[in-house]
Amino acid sequence: MPEPISGPAAGPSSRPSSGSRTHRLRVTEVIAETADAHSLVLQAPPESAYRFAYRPGQFLTLKLPGADGRAVARCYSLASSPHTGEPMKVTVKRVAGGYGSNWVCDHLAAGDELEVLPPTGTFTPDSLDRDLLLVAGGSGITPVLSIAKSALARGQGRLALLYANRDESSVIFRDELRELAEDFPDRLLVIHWLESLQGLPVAHRLTAALAPYADREAFVCGPEPMMDAVEQALRALGAPGDRIHRERFFSLGADVFDAPAVAEIVSAEGGSTARVELDGETHTVDWPSRTPLLDVLLAAGVDAPYSCREGACSACTCRVVAGEVKMLRNDVLDEQDTAEGYVLACQAVPLTDQVEITYS
């Protein structure tokens, strides 16, 4: 499991209630990283700052005004590091036809305020001391840069970072990456892959570039075809699947900001009992066999964490310590996560009469 969240200590009160889930953050600076990518430097008010302690590689969910007047949710990875003293920063790259990214790049300025959900996500190393292979494509550099800066600041391992882009003008954080490589010449190697020169980063082309680092734990973020190619190349080089971690960018379909509509819980024969440890408290609830754990907890008044409720964001991740469950859907946890007992509460249903769960 990843190291504890860096930042002020968080206890039972560190999670907003389901009736007031967002916090208002101030945009202190907007940075034009490239012609089509902007970074937002964000500041939480003092009373909410501890809620925004985060791990490298995690993301924020922003509440944006929709074209039809209703709010829309967009998730953007933090490019900043919690270990360097820098302010929180997310980076947004325009997507052709994408409402959220274009609205952010066209409308936000320093001094504006945004409603934001606290950070979440599982795309973060267990240890910052290991040798790592980091692979990014386009805006996928954001969580990868957060991991790289954190590992360099707090860890001892060596990092190889392969970054794919269309051409030199589309390289986000070009100067920052160069400075990091100069500051840590023995620990950081940055490899730029430009499609204009080297072609698309497909598996057979990537194999030679990745071969020296195939024995390292890998963190990969970028367009789906690129991530598929990286995984194919690494597996061909003998890398085990549980050491390849992928981060997918997605748009939320559900309204994640309002208080949830809790499904009616119908007891049925074959249900289970769940013992759930959350924020230092233990809750025991009846768990019908076809009802996701998150619905059961919310119906019981337990302030369990969640975001998308669609199995896509990892905000509701918890760990099974006794008993068995299955997930109805899982788009985010990898083989290593599930092998260690991690599940998505919004998708978990029981398979045994007794189940013990922890959120710690």
Foldseek 3Di string as FASTA:
>chain_A
DADDFDDDDDFPPLQDFLAFFWFKWFFAFWACQFPFKIKTFIDGPPVNVRNQRGAQLWWKWWWDQDPVRDTFIFIFHWQAASQPPGTTMTMAGDDVVDDVRVCCVPPDGGGDMTIMGHIDDDLHDNDLAEEEEEEEEQSQVRSVNRSVVHSVRPYNAAYEYEYEYQADRRDGCPVVLVVVCVVCVPRYHYHYHHCVPQNDQAQVSCLVVCLVPLAHQYEYEYDPRNLVRVVVSSVVSPRDQLSYAYDYGDTAPDDQRHNDDQDDDDADPPWAWEWEADRNDTDIWIAHQPAFQVSRCVVVVHRAWDGRLPQRGRRRKKFWPDADWDFPDHDHDTPNCVVRGIDRRSGIGGDDRYIYIYRD
